[in-house]
Amino acid sequence: MAANDKATSYTLKQAMAVKVGDHVEIAVEAQDGTKFKIVATAEQLDVLTGDLETILDKDDAEA
């Protein structure tokens, strides 16, 4: 999914993660009180982590 695909956006209030069997569950609460859970494999989280590191490294370089 591209960053500009139509999706509902929420502002993060808090998130917690726990390993359950062969996957990770991330419980998320948005500022408006919406709560949801993301279930992901270790491989999916590795890709996400890489994306986030790239974004943060770029921000650090621009600062």
N, C-alpha and C. Protein backbone atom coordinates (compact mmCIF):
# COMPACT_ATOMS: atom_id res chain seq x y z
N MET A 1 0.85 -1.18 0.00
CA MET A 1 0.00 0.00 0.00
C MET A 1 0.89 1.24 0.00
N ALA A 2 0.63 2.11 -0.90
CA ALA A 2 1.38 3.35 -0.99
C ALA A 2 0.89 4.33 0.07
N ALA A 3 1.76 5.25 0.44
CA ALA A 3 1.44 6.22 1.48
C ALA A 3 0.26 7.11 1.10
N ASN A 4 0.00 7.28 -0.19
CA ASN A 4 -1.09 8.16 -0.59
C ASN A 4 -2.39 7.42 -0.91
N ASP A 5 -2.44 6.10 -0.67
CA ASP A 5 -3.69 5.35 -0.85
C ASP A 5 -4.73 5.87 0.14
N LYS A 6 -5.99 5.80 -0.25
CA LYS A 6 -7.05 6.27 0.63
C LYS A 6 -7.16 5.34 1.84
N ALA A 7 -7.03 5.90 3.01
CA ALA A 7 -7.14 5.17 4.26
C ALA A 7 -7.49 6.15 5.36
N THR A 8 -8.11 5.66 6.40
CA THR A 8 -8.40 6.51 7.55
C THR A 8 -7.11 6.75 8.32
N SER A 9 -6.85 7.99 8.67
CA SER A 9 -5.66 8.34 9.44
C SER A 9 -6.04 8.61 10.88
N TYR A 10 -5.21 8.12 11.79
CA TYR A 10 -5.40 8.33 13.22
C TYR A 10 -4.11 8.87 13.80
N THR A 11 -4.21 9.72 14.82
CA THR A 11 -3.04 10.18 15.55
C THR A 11 -2.81 9.23 16.72
N LEU A 12 -1.61 8.69 16.79
CA LEU A 12 -1.28 7.69 17.80
C LEU A 12 -1.28 8.28 19.20
N LYS A 13 -1.97 7.61 20.10
CA LYS A 13 -1.93 7.95 21.52
C LYS A 13 -0.95 7.02 22.22
N GLN A 14 -1.12 5.72 22.00
CA GLN A 14 -0.18 4.75 22.57
C GLN A 14 -0.24 3.44 21.79
N ALA A 15 0.82 2.66 21.91
CA ALA A 15 0.87 1.35 21.27
C ALA A 15 1.70 0.42 22.13
N MET A 16 1.30 -0.84 22.15
CA MET A 16 2.04 -1.86 22.89
C MET A 16 2.14 -3.10 22.01
N ALA A 17 3.23 -3.83 22.13
CA ALA A 17 3.41 -5.02 21.31
C ALA A 17 3.71 -6.23 22.18
N VAL A 18 3.27 -7.41 21.70
CA VAL A 18 3.53 -8.66 22.40
C VAL A 18 3.69 -9.76 21.36
N LYS A 19 4.59 -10.69 21.61
CA LYS A 19 4.77 -11.84 20.71
C LYS A 19 3.79 -12.92 21.11
N VAL A 20 3.04 -13.43 20.14
CA VAL A 20 2.05 -14.48 20.37
C VAL A 20 2.32 -15.58 19.35
N GLY A 21 2.87 -16.67 19.80
CA GLY A 21 3.18 -17.76 18.87
C GLY A 21 4.15 -17.32 17.80
N ASP A 22 3.72 -17.43 16.54
CA ASP A 22 4.60 -17.11 15.42
C ASP A 22 4.39 -15.70 14.87
N HIS A 23 3.67 -14.85 15.60
CA HIS A 23 3.44 -13.49 15.12
C HIS A 23 3.52 -12.49 16.27
N VAL A 24 3.47 -11.23 15.91
CA VAL A 24 3.49 -10.14 16.89
C VAL A 24 2.16 -9.41 16.80
N GLU A 25 1.58 -9.08 17.94
CA GLU A 25 0.35 -8.30 17.99
C GLU A 25 0.68 -6.92 18.55
N ILE A 26 0.26 -5.90 17.84
CA ILE A 26 0.47 -4.52 18.26
C ILE A 26 -0.90 -3.91 18.56
N ALA A 27 -1.15 -3.61 19.82
CA ALA A 27 -2.40 -2.97 20.22
C ALA A 27 -2.20 -1.47 20.15
N VAL A 28 -3.10 -0.79 19.46
CA VAL A 28 -2.97 0.63 19.19
C VAL A 28 -4.19 1.37 19.71
N GLU A 29 -3.96 2.53 20.32
CA GLU A 29 -5.05 3.42 20.69
C GLU A 29 -4.77 4.77 20.05
N ALA A 30 -5.77 5.31 19.35
CA ALA A 30 -5.65 6.62 18.71
C ALA A 30 -6.11 7.71 19.67
N GLN A 31 -5.77 8.94 19.35
CA GLN A 31 -6.16 10.08 20.18
C GLN A 31 -7.67 10.18 20.35
N ASP A 32 -8.44 9.76 19.35
CA ASP A 32 -9.90 9.86 19.44
C ASP A 32 -10.52 8.68 20.18
N GLY A 33 -9.70 7.80 20.73
CA GLY A 33 -10.20 6.66 21.48
C GLY A 33 -10.37 5.38 20.67
N THR A 34 -10.21 5.46 19.35
CA THR A 34 -10.30 4.27 18.51
C THR A 34 -9.20 3.30 18.90
N LYS A 35 -9.57 2.03 19.08
CA LYS A 35 -8.60 1.00 19.43
C LYS A 35 -8.64 -0.08 18.37
N PHE A 36 -7.46 -0.58 18.01
CA PHE A 36 -7.38 -1.68 17.06
C PHE A 36 -6.10 -2.46 17.29
N LYS A 37 -6.03 -3.62 16.67
CA LYS A 37 -4.87 -4.48 16.82
C LYS A 37 -4.31 -4.80 15.44
N ILE A 38 -3.01 -4.79 15.34
CA ILE A 38 -2.31 -5.16 14.12
C ILE A 38 -1.61 -6.48 14.40
N VAL A 39 -1.81 -7.46 13.53
CA VAL A 39 -1.15 -8.75 13.65
C VAL A 39 -0.16 -8.84 12.50
N ALA A 40 1.12 -9.09 12.81
CA ALA A 40 2.15 -9.08 11.78
C ALA A 40 3.18 -10.18 12.03
N THR A 41 3.80 -10.63 10.95
CA THR A 41 4.89 -11.58 11.06
C THR A 41 6.19 -10.82 11.35
N ALA A 42 7.18 -11.55 11.78
CA ALA A 42 8.49 -10.94 12.03
C ALA A 42 9.04 -10.32 10.75
N GLU A 43 8.81 -10.97 9.62
CA GLU A 43 9.31 -10.45 8.34
C GLU A 43 8.62 -9.13 7.98
N GLN A 44 7.34 -9.03 8.21
CA GLN A 44 6.62 -7.78 7.94
C GLN A 44 7.14 -6.66 8.82
N LEU A 45 7.42 -6.97 10.08
CA LEU A 45 7.92 -5.95 11.00
C LEU A 45 9.35 -5.55 10.65
N ASP A 46 10.15 -6.48 10.12
CA ASP A 46 11.50 -6.13 9.67
C ASP A 46 11.43 -5.11 8.54
N VAL A 47 10.51 -5.30 7.60
CA VAL A 47 10.35 -4.36 6.49
C VAL A 47 9.90 -3.01 7.02
N LEU A 48 8.92 -3.01 7.91
CA LEU A 48 8.43 -1.76 8.50
C LEU A 48 9.54 -1.04 9.26
N THR A 49 10.31 -1.78 10.03
CA THR A 49 11.42 -1.19 10.78
C THR A 49 12.42 -0.55 9.84
N GLY A 50 12.73 -1.21 8.74
CA GLY A 50 13.65 -0.65 7.75
C GLY A 50 13.11 0.64 7.17
N ASP A 51 11.82 0.65 6.84
CA ASP A 51 11.20 1.87 6.31
C ASP A 51 11.29 3.01 7.31
N LEU A 52 10.97 2.73 8.57
CA LEU A 52 11.00 3.77 9.61
C LEU A 52 12.41 4.28 9.83
N GLU A 53 13.41 3.39 9.84
CA GLU A 53 14.80 3.82 10.01
C GLU A 53 15.24 4.73 8.87
N THR A 54 14.83 4.39 7.65
CA THR A 54 15.17 5.23 6.49
C THR A 54 14.57 6.62 6.64
N ILE A 55 13.30 6.69 7.04
CA ILE A 55 12.63 7.98 7.23
C ILE A 55 13.32 8.79 8.32
N LEU A 56 13.59 8.16 9.45
CA LEU A 56 14.21 8.88 10.57
C LEU A 56 15.64 9.30 10.26
N ASP A 57 16.39 8.46 9.56
CA ASP A 57 17.75 8.81 9.18
C ASP A 57 17.75 10.01 8.23
N LYS A 58 16.79 10.06 7.32
CA LYS A 58 16.67 11.18 6.39
C LYS A 58 16.34 12.46 7.15
N ASP A 59 15.44 12.37 8.12
CA ASP A 59 15.08 13.53 8.94
C ASP A 59 16.29 14.03 9.72
N ASP A 60 17.08 13.10 10.28
CA ASP A 60 18.29 13.49 11.03
C ASP A 60 19.30 14.18 10.12
N ALA A 61 19.44 13.69 8.90
CA ALA A 61 20.41 14.27 7.96
C ALA A 61 19.99 15.68 7.55
N GLU A 62 18.67 15.91 7.46
CA GLU A 62 18.17 17.23 7.06
C GLU A 62 18.23 18.24 8.19
N ALA A 63 18.30 17.76 9.43
CA ALA A 63 18.30 18.68 10.58
C ALA A 63 19.61 19.39 10.78
